[in-house]
Amino acid sequence: MRVDKWLSATNVVKRRTIATDMLKSGVVFVNGMKAKASKDLKVGDKVTIEYLKGAKHYEVLQIPKTKSIPKSQKEDFVKVL
């Protein structure tokens, strides 16, 4: 699954357009490397988002099969590091 789709589907970012803008700005990293929106994620990848107040780190636990998941199931797909 693409990084921008994963960020929005797992409720890390509210909308896919915001995720795409973040990727274009260069604040999203996958396994320590700057990511493009089309980068494919795999289980076990580490995603870092650098905000102004600090960075947030996530680990991909599962790839969602649907466009979005319920917020109550977020822990099944994303691990906050």
PDB file of N, CA and C in Angstrom:
ATOM      1  N   MET A   1       0.839  -1.180   0.000  1.00  0.00           N
ATOM      2  CA  MET A   1       0.000   0.000   0.000  1.00  0.00           C
ATOM      3  C   MET A   1       0.882   1.240   0.000  1.00  0.00           C
ATOM      4  N   ARG A   2       0.447   2.261  -0.720  1.00  0.00           N
ATOM      5  CA  ARG A   2       1.193   3.513  -0.797  1.00  0.00           C
ATOM      6  C   ARG A   2       1.230   4.204   0.567  1.00  0.00           C
ATOM      7  N   VAL A   3       2.277   4.979   0.813  1.00  0.00           N
ATOM      8  CA  VAL A   3       2.442   5.658   2.095  1.00  0.00           C
ATOM      9  C   VAL A   3       1.284   6.615   2.349  1.00  0.00           C
ATOM     10  N   ASP A   4       0.912   7.408   1.366  1.00  0.00           N
ATOM     11  CA  ASP A   4      -0.156   8.381   1.586  1.00  0.00           C
ATOM     12  C   ASP A   4      -1.485   7.706   1.904  1.00  0.00           C
ATOM     13  N   LYS A   5      -1.774   6.595   1.242  1.00  0.00           N
ATOM     14  CA  LYS A   5      -3.007   5.853   1.526  1.00  0.00           C
ATOM     15  C   LYS A   5      -2.951   5.231   2.914  1.00  0.00           C
ATOM     16  N   TRP A   6      -1.794   4.702   3.300  1.00  0.00           N
ATOM     17  CA  TRP A   6      -1.649   4.076   4.613  1.00  0.00           C
ATOM     18  C   TRP A   6      -1.828   5.094   5.729  1.00  0.00           C
ATOM     19  N   LEU A   7      -1.249   6.280   5.567  1.00  0.00           N
ATOM     20  CA  LEU A   7      -1.373   7.314   6.596  1.00  0.00           C
ATOM     21  C   LEU A   7      -2.830   7.704   6.821  1.00  0.00           C
ATOM     22  N   SER A   8      -3.594   7.829   5.755  1.00  0.00           N
ATOM     23  CA  SER A   8      -4.997   8.216   5.914  1.00  0.00           C
ATOM     24  C   SER A   8      -5.869   7.027   6.321  1.00  0.00           C
ATOM     25  N   ALA A   9      -5.606   5.839   5.804  1.00  0.00           N
ATOM     26  CA  ALA A   9      -6.432   4.665   6.123  1.00  0.00           C
ATOM     27  C   ALA A   9      -6.305   4.256   7.585  1.00  0.00           C
ATOM     28  N   THR A  10      -5.139   4.458   8.175  1.00  0.00           N
ATOM     29  CA  THR A  10      -4.917   4.060   9.565  1.00  0.00           C
ATOM     30  C   THR A  10      -5.157   5.192  10.547  1.00  0.00           C
ATOM     31  N   ASN A  11      -5.677   6.309  10.066  1.00  0.00           N
ATOM     32  CA  ASN A  11      -6.028   7.458  10.903  1.00  0.00           C
ATOM     33  C   ASN A  11      -4.823   8.109  11.571  1.00  0.00           C
ATOM     34  N   VAL A  12      -3.647   7.972  10.992  1.00  0.00           N
ATOM     35  CA  VAL A  12      -2.476   8.703  11.475  1.00  0.00           C
ATOM     36  C   VAL A  12      -2.626  10.166  11.058  1.00  0.00           C
ATOM     37  N   VAL A  13      -3.122  10.394   9.849  1.00  0.00           N
ATOM     38  CA  VAL A  13      -3.410  11.725   9.316  1.00  0.00           C
ATOM     39  C   VAL A  13      -4.884  11.734   8.921  1.00  0.00           C
ATOM     40  N   LYS A  14      -5.552  12.868   9.116  1.00  0.00           N
ATOM     41  CA  LYS A  14      -7.002  12.916   8.891  1.00  0.00           C
ATOM     42  C   LYS A  14      -7.411  12.700   7.443  1.00  0.00           C
ATOM     43  N   ARG A  15      -6.699  13.325   6.501  1.00  0.00           N
ATOM     44  CA  ARG A  15      -7.080  13.208   5.095  1.00  0.00           C
ATOM     45  C   ARG A  15      -5.869  12.866   4.237  1.00  0.00           C
ATOM     46  N   ARG A  16      -6.153  12.207   3.118  1.00  0.00           N
ATOM     47  CA  ARG A  16      -5.075  11.805   2.214  1.00  0.00           C
ATOM     48  C   ARG A  16      -4.385  13.015   1.590  1.00  0.00           C
ATOM     49  N   THR A  17      -5.112  14.095   1.354  1.00  0.00           N
ATOM     50  CA  THR A  17      -4.481  15.297   0.786  1.00  0.00           C
ATOM     51  C   THR A  17      -3.460  15.879   1.751  1.00  0.00           C
ATOM     52  N   ILE A  18      -3.746  15.807   3.045  1.00  0.00           N
ATOM     53  CA  ILE A  18      -2.776  16.272   4.042  1.00  0.00           C
ATOM     54  C   ILE A  18      -1.548  15.377   4.017  1.00  0.00           C
ATOM     55  N   ALA A  19      -1.759  14.076   3.916  1.00  0.00           N
ATOM     56  CA  ALA A  19      -0.635  13.135   3.849  1.00  0.00           C
ATOM     57  C   ALA A  19       0.223  13.406   2.620  1.00  0.00           C
ATOM     58  N   THR A  20      -0.414  13.661   1.483  1.00  0.00           N
ATOM     59  CA  THR A  20       0.327  13.953   0.255  1.00  0.00           C
ATOM     60  C   THR A  20       1.135  15.242   0.394  1.00  0.00           C
ATOM     61  N   ASP A  21       0.534  16.269   1.000  1.00  0.00           N
ATOM     62  CA  ASP A  21       1.257  17.522   1.232  1.00  0.00           C
ATOM     63  C   ASP A  21       2.460  17.318   2.155  1.00  0.00           C
ATOM     64  N   MET A  22       2.296  16.500   3.175  1.00  0.00           N
ATOM     65  CA  MET A  22       3.402  16.217   4.100  1.00  0.00           C
ATOM     66  C   MET A  22       4.540  15.504   3.367  1.00  0.00           C
ATOM     67  N   LEU A  23       4.179  14.570   2.491  1.00  0.00           N
ATOM     68  CA  LEU A  23       5.196  13.846   1.733  1.00  0.00           C
ATOM     69  C   LEU A  23       5.924  14.781   0.770  1.00  0.00           C
ATOM     70  N   LYS A  24       5.187  15.706   0.126  1.00  0.00           N
ATOM     71  CA  LYS A  24       5.818  16.662  -0.778  1.00  0.00           C
ATOM     72  C   LYS A  24       6.742  17.619  -0.026  1.00  0.00           C
ATOM     73  N   SER A  25       6.381  17.938   1.211  1.00  0.00           N
ATOM     74  CA  SER A  25       7.198  18.840   2.031  1.00  0.00           C
ATOM     75  C   SER A  25       8.457  18.160   2.566  1.00  0.00           C
ATOM     76  N   GLY A  26       8.500  16.842   2.509  1.00  0.00           N
ATOM     77  CA  GLY A  26       9.694  16.113   2.940  1.00  0.00           C
ATOM     78  C   GLY A  26       9.780  15.883   4.434  1.00  0.00           C
ATOM     79  N   VAL A  27       8.641  15.789   5.115  1.00  0.00           N
ATOM     80  CA  VAL A  27       8.668  15.559   6.558  1.00  0.00           C
ATOM     81  C   VAL A  27       8.328  14.115   6.938  1.00  0.00           C
ATOM     82  N   VAL A  28       8.088  13.264   5.936  1.00  0.00           N
ATOM     83  CA  VAL A  28       7.764  11.857   6.183  1.00  0.00           C
ATOM     84  C   VAL A  28       8.935  10.996   5.723  1.00  0.00           C
ATOM     85  N   PHE A  29       9.373  10.108   6.619  1.00  0.00           N
ATOM     86  CA  PHE A  29      10.489   9.219   6.330  1.00  0.00           C
ATOM     87  C   PHE A  29      10.056   7.774   6.542  1.00  0.00           C
ATOM     88  N   VAL A  30      10.507   6.884   5.669  1.00  0.00           N
ATOM     89  CA  VAL A  30      10.252   5.456   5.803  1.00  0.00           C
ATOM     90  C   VAL A  30      11.603   4.774   5.952  1.00  0.00           C
ATOM     91  N   ASN A  31      11.791   4.103   7.072  1.00  0.00           N
ATOM     92  CA  ASN A  31      13.058   3.432   7.390  1.00  0.00           C
ATOM     93  C   ASN A  31      14.241   4.396   7.283  1.00  0.00           C
ATOM     94  N   GLY A  32      14.040   5.639   7.728  1.00  0.00           N
ATOM     95  CA  GLY A  32      15.117   6.621   7.765  1.00  0.00           C
ATOM     96  C   GLY A  32      15.379   7.362   6.465  1.00  0.00           C
ATOM     97  N   MET A  33      14.641   7.039   5.408  1.00  0.00           N
ATOM     98  CA  MET A  33      14.836   7.707   4.120  1.00  0.00           C
ATOM     99  C   MET A  33      13.600   8.517   3.770  1.00  0.00           C
ATOM    100  N   LYS A  34      13.805   9.702   3.182  1.00  0.00           N
ATOM    101  CA  LYS A  34      12.693  10.555   2.782  1.00  0.00           C
ATOM    102  C   LYS A  34      11.808   9.797   1.798  1.00  0.00           C
ATOM    103  N   ALA A  35      10.501   9.858   2.030  1.00  0.00           N
ATOM    104  CA  ALA A  35       9.563   9.053   1.229  1.00  0.00           C
ATOM    105  C   ALA A  35       8.796   9.910   0.239  1.00  0.00           C
ATOM    106  N   LYS A  36       8.441   9.293  -0.885  1.00  0.00           N
ATOM    107  CA  LYS A  36       7.518   9.884  -1.845  1.00  0.00           C
ATOM    108  C   LYS A  36       6.157   9.237  -1.619  1.00  0.00           C
ATOM    109  N   ALA A  37       5.102   9.871  -2.128  1.00  0.00           N
ATOM    110  CA  ALA A  37       3.735   9.368  -1.916  1.00  0.00           C
ATOM    111  C   ALA A  37       3.543   7.966  -2.487  1.00  0.00           C
ATOM    112  N   SER A  38       4.271   7.625  -3.536  1.00  0.00           N
ATOM    113  CA  SER A  38       4.081   6.331  -4.192  1.00  0.00           C
ATOM    114  C   SER A  38       4.886   5.199  -3.557  1.00  0.00           C
ATOM    115  N   LYS A  39       5.645   5.475  -2.518  1.00  0.00           N
ATOM    116  CA  LYS A  39       6.454   4.448  -1.844  1.00  0.00           C
ATOM    117  C   LYS A  39       5.547   3.376  -1.256  1.00  0.00           C
ATOM    118  N   ASP A  40       5.828   2.115  -1.556  1.00  0.00           N
ATOM    119  CA  ASP A  40       5.042   1.003  -1.014  1.00  0.00           C
ATOM    120  C   ASP A  40       5.539   0.640   0.375  1.00  0.00           C
ATOM    121  N   LEU A  41       4.597   0.455   1.291  1.00  0.00           N
ATOM    122  CA  LEU A  41       4.921   0.044   2.652  1.00  0.00           C
ATOM    123  C   LEU A  41       4.740  -1.454   2.800  1.00  0.00           C
ATOM    124  N   LYS A  42       5.553  -2.036   3.671  1.00  0.00           N
ATOM    125  CA  LYS A  42       5.448  -3.449   4.007  1.00  0.00           C
ATOM    126  C   LYS A  42       5.339  -3.564   5.520  1.00  0.00           C
ATOM    127  N   VAL A  43       4.886  -4.706   6.001  1.00  0.00           N
ATOM    128  CA  VAL A  43       4.805  -4.947   7.433  1.00  0.00           C
ATOM    129  C   VAL A  43       6.213  -4.874   8.016  1.00  0.00           C
ATOM    130  N   GLY A  44       6.354  -4.138   9.109  1.00  0.00           N
ATOM    131  CA  GLY A  44       7.645  -3.984   9.765  1.00  0.00           C
ATOM    132  C   GLY A  44       8.364  -2.689   9.431  1.00  0.00           C
ATOM    133  N   ASP A  45       7.882  -1.946   8.432  1.00  0.00           N
ATOM    134  CA  ASP A  45       8.504  -0.664   8.088  1.00  0.00           C
ATOM    135  C   ASP A  45       8.295   0.341   9.210  1.00  0.00           C
ATOM    136  N   LYS A  46       9.266   1.233   9.377  1.00  0.00           N
ATOM    137  CA  LYS A  46       9.193   2.298  10.370  1.00  0.00           C
ATOM    138  C   LYS A  46       8.907   3.612   9.643  1.00  0.00           C
ATOM    139  N   VAL A  47       7.852   4.309  10.061  1.00  0.00           N
ATOM    140  CA  VAL A  47       7.458   5.581   9.461  1.00  0.00           C
ATOM    141  C   VAL A  47       7.680   6.676  10.493  1.00  0.00           C
ATOM    142  N   THR A  48       8.372   7.735  10.100  1.00  0.00           N
ATOM    143  CA  THR A  48       8.633   8.870  10.970  1.00  0.00           C
ATOM    144  C   THR A  48       8.040  10.116  10.331  1.00  0.00           C
ATOM    145  N   ILE A  49       7.316  10.890  11.137  1.00  0.00           N
ATOM    146  CA  ILE A  49       6.777  12.169  10.688  1.00  0.00           C
ATOM    147  C   ILE A  49       7.392  13.244  11.569  1.00  0.00           C
ATOM    148  N   GLU A  50       8.064  14.206  10.947  1.00  0.00           N
ATOM    149  CA  GLU A  50       8.712  15.279  11.697  1.00  0.00           C
ATOM    150  C   GLU A  50       7.796  16.499  11.745  1.00  0.00           C
ATOM    151  N   TYR A  51       7.197  16.715  12.917  1.00  0.00           N
ATOM    152  CA  TYR A  51       6.376  17.894  13.151  1.00  0.00           C
ATOM    153  C   TYR A  51       7.267  19.008  13.690  1.00  0.00           C
ATOM    154  N   LEU A  52       6.724  20.214  13.801  1.00  0.00           N
ATOM    155  CA  LEU A  52       7.499  21.336  14.337  1.00  0.00           C
ATOM    156  C   LEU A  52       7.876  21.119  15.794  1.00  0.00           C
ATOM    157  N   LYS A  53       7.009  20.455  16.549  1.00  0.00           N
ATOM    158  CA  LYS A  53       7.258  20.236  17.978  1.00  0.00           C
ATOM    159  C   LYS A  53       7.981  18.929  18.265  1.00  0.00           C
ATOM    160  N   GLY A  54       8.402  18.216  17.246  1.00  0.00           N
ATOM    161  CA  GLY A  54       9.110  16.957  17.448  1.00  0.00           C
ATOM    162  C   GLY A  54       8.625  15.899  16.479  1.00  0.00           C
ATOM    163  N   ALA A  55       9.321  14.793  16.476  1.00  0.00           N
ATOM    164  CA  ALA A  55       9.013  13.708  15.538  1.00  0.00           C
ATOM    165  C   ALA A  55       8.149  12.646  16.208  1.00  0.00           C
ATOM    166  N   LYS A  56       7.302  12.004  15.394  1.00  0.00           N
ATOM    167  CA  LYS A  56       6.516  10.856  15.853  1.00  0.00           C
ATOM    168  C   LYS A  56       6.933   9.662  15.013  1.00  0.00           C
ATOM    169  N   HIS A  57       7.089   8.534  15.688  1.00  0.00           N
ATOM    170  CA  HIS A  57       7.559   7.319  15.038  1.00  0.00           C
ATOM    171  C   HIS A  57       6.467   6.253  15.112  1.00  0.00           C
ATOM    172  N   TYR A  58       6.274   5.557  13.991  1.00  0.00           N
ATOM    173  CA  TYR A  58       5.259   4.512  13.893  1.00  0.00           C
ATOM    174  C   TYR A  58       5.869   3.279  13.253  1.00  0.00           C
ATOM    175  N   GLU A  59       5.286   2.120  13.589  1.00  0.00           N
ATOM    176  CA  GLU A  59       5.681   0.868  12.942  1.00  0.00           C
ATOM    177  C   GLU A  59       4.442   0.273  12.277  1.00  0.00           C
ATOM    178  N   VAL A  60       4.617  -0.245  11.064  1.00  0.00           N
ATOM    179  CA  VAL A  60       3.520  -0.856  10.322  1.00  0.00           C
ATOM    180  C   VAL A  60       3.346  -2.287  10.828  1.00  0.00           C
ATOM    181  N   LEU A  61       2.190  -2.578  11.418  1.00  0.00           N
ATOM    182  CA  LEU A  61       1.899  -3.923  11.910  1.00  0.00           C
ATOM    183  C   LEU A  61       1.108  -4.738  10.892  1.00  0.00           C
ATOM    184  N   GLN A  62       0.172  -4.077  10.190  1.00  0.00           N
ATOM    185  CA  GLN A  62      -0.639  -4.718   9.165  1.00  0.00           C
ATOM    186  C   GLN A  62      -0.937  -3.696   8.080  1.00  0.00           C
ATOM    187  N   ILE A  63      -1.259  -4.195   6.916  1.00  0.00           N
ATOM    188  CA  ILE A  63      -1.692  -3.337   5.816  1.00  0.00           C
ATOM    189  C   ILE A  63      -3.213  -3.472   5.715  1.00  0.00           C
ATOM    190  N   PRO A  64      -3.957  -2.357   5.833  1.00  0.00           N
ATOM    191  CA  PRO A  64      -5.420  -2.453   5.739  1.00  0.00           C
ATOM    192  C   PRO A  64      -5.885  -2.885   4.355  1.00  0.00           C
ATOM    193  N   LYS A  65      -6.952  -3.647   4.318  1.00  0.00           N
ATOM    194  CA  LYS A  65      -7.519  -4.112   3.051  1.00  0.00           C
ATOM    195  C   LYS A  65      -8.580  -3.139   2.531  1.00  0.00           C
ATOM    196  N   THR A  66      -9.087  -2.267   3.416  1.00  0.00           N
ATOM    197  CA  THR A  66     -10.133  -1.324   3.046  1.00  0.00           C
ATOM    198  C   THR A  66      -9.580   0.092   2.995  1.00  0.00           C
ATOM    199  N   LYS A  67     -10.427   1.011   2.521  1.00  0.00           N
ATOM    200  CA  LYS A  67     -10.029   2.411   2.364  1.00  0.00           C
ATOM    201  C   LYS A  67      -9.745   3.072   3.715  1.00  0.00           C
ATOM    202  N   SER A  68     -10.489   2.694   4.739  1.00  0.00           N
ATOM    203  CA  SER A  68     -10.252   3.207   6.082  1.00  0.00           C
ATOM    204  C   SER A  68     -10.636   2.145   7.098  1.00  0.00           C
ATOM    205  N   ILE A  69     -10.093   2.292   8.288  1.00  0.00           N
ATOM    206  CA  ILE A  69     -10.390   1.351   9.369  1.00  0.00           C
ATOM    207  C   ILE A  69     -11.035   2.121  10.516  1.00  0.00           C
ATOM    208  N   PRO A  70     -11.805   1.451  11.361  1.00  0.00           N
ATOM    209  CA  PRO A  70     -12.348   2.130  12.543  1.00  0.00           C
ATOM    210  C   PRO A  70     -11.218   2.553  13.485  1.00  0.00           C
ATOM    211  N   LYS A  71     -11.401   3.696  14.139  1.00  0.00           N
ATOM    212  CA  LYS A  71     -10.358   4.193  15.039  1.00  0.00           C
ATOM    213  C   LYS A  71     -10.080   3.229  16.181  1.00  0.00           C
ATOM    214  N   SER A  72     -11.069   2.419  16.544  1.00  0.00           N
ATOM    215  CA  SER A  72     -10.883   1.453  17.624  1.00  0.00           C
ATOM    216  C   SER A  72      -9.923   0.327  17.229  1.00  0.00           C
ATOM    217  N   GLN A  73      -9.701   0.112  15.928  1.00  0.00           N
ATOM    218  CA  GLN A  73      -8.811  -0.948  15.454  1.00  0.00           C
ATOM    219  C   GLN A  73      -7.427  -0.421  15.071  1.00  0.00           C
ATOM    220  N   LYS A  74      -7.152   0.842  15.338  1.00  0.00           N
ATOM    221  CA  LYS A  74      -5.889   1.446  14.926  1.00  0.00           C
ATOM    222  C   LYS A  74      -4.679   0.701  15.512  1.00  0.00           C
ATOM    223  N   GLU A  75      -4.795   0.210  16.753  1.00  0.00           N
ATOM    224  CA  GLU A  75      -3.678  -0.484  17.407  1.00  0.00           C
ATOM    225  C   GLU A  75      -3.304  -1.785  16.706  1.00  0.00           C
ATOM    226  N   ASP A  76      -4.236  -2.359  15.925  1.00  0.00           N
ATOM    227  CA  ASP A  76      -3.945  -3.579  15.171  1.00  0.00           C
ATOM    228  C   ASP A  76      -3.075  -3.316  13.949  1.00  0.00           C
ATOM    229  N   PHE A  77      -3.077  -2.071  13.466  1.00  0.00           N
ATOM    230  CA  PHE A  77      -2.367  -1.726  12.237  1.00  0.00           C
ATOM    231  C   PHE A  77      -1.136  -0.853  12.466  1.00  0.00           C
ATOM    232  N   VAL A  78      -1.134  -0.066  13.544  1.00  0.00           N
ATOM    233  CA  VAL A  78      -0.067   0.896  13.790  1.00  0.00           C
ATOM    234  C   VAL A  78       0.437   0.750  15.219  1.00  0.00           C
ATOM    235  N   LYS A  79       1.754   0.747  15.379  1.00  0.00           N
ATOM    236  CA  LYS A  79       2.357   0.765  16.710  1.00  0.00           C
ATOM    237  C   LYS A  79       3.118   2.076  16.853  1.00  0.00           C
ATOM    238  N   VAL A  80       2.765   2.857  17.871  1.00  0.00           N
ATOM    239  CA  VAL A  80       3.464   4.117  18.121  1.00  0.00           C
ATOM    240  C   VAL A  80       4.729   3.803  18.898  1.00  0.00           C
ATOM    241  N   LEU A  81       5.861   4.235  18.369  1.00  0.00           N
ATOM    242  CA  LEU A  81       7.140   3.950  19.023  1.00  0.00           C
ATOM    243  C   LEU A  81       7.585   5.105  19.889  1.00  0.00           C
TER     244      LEU A  81
END
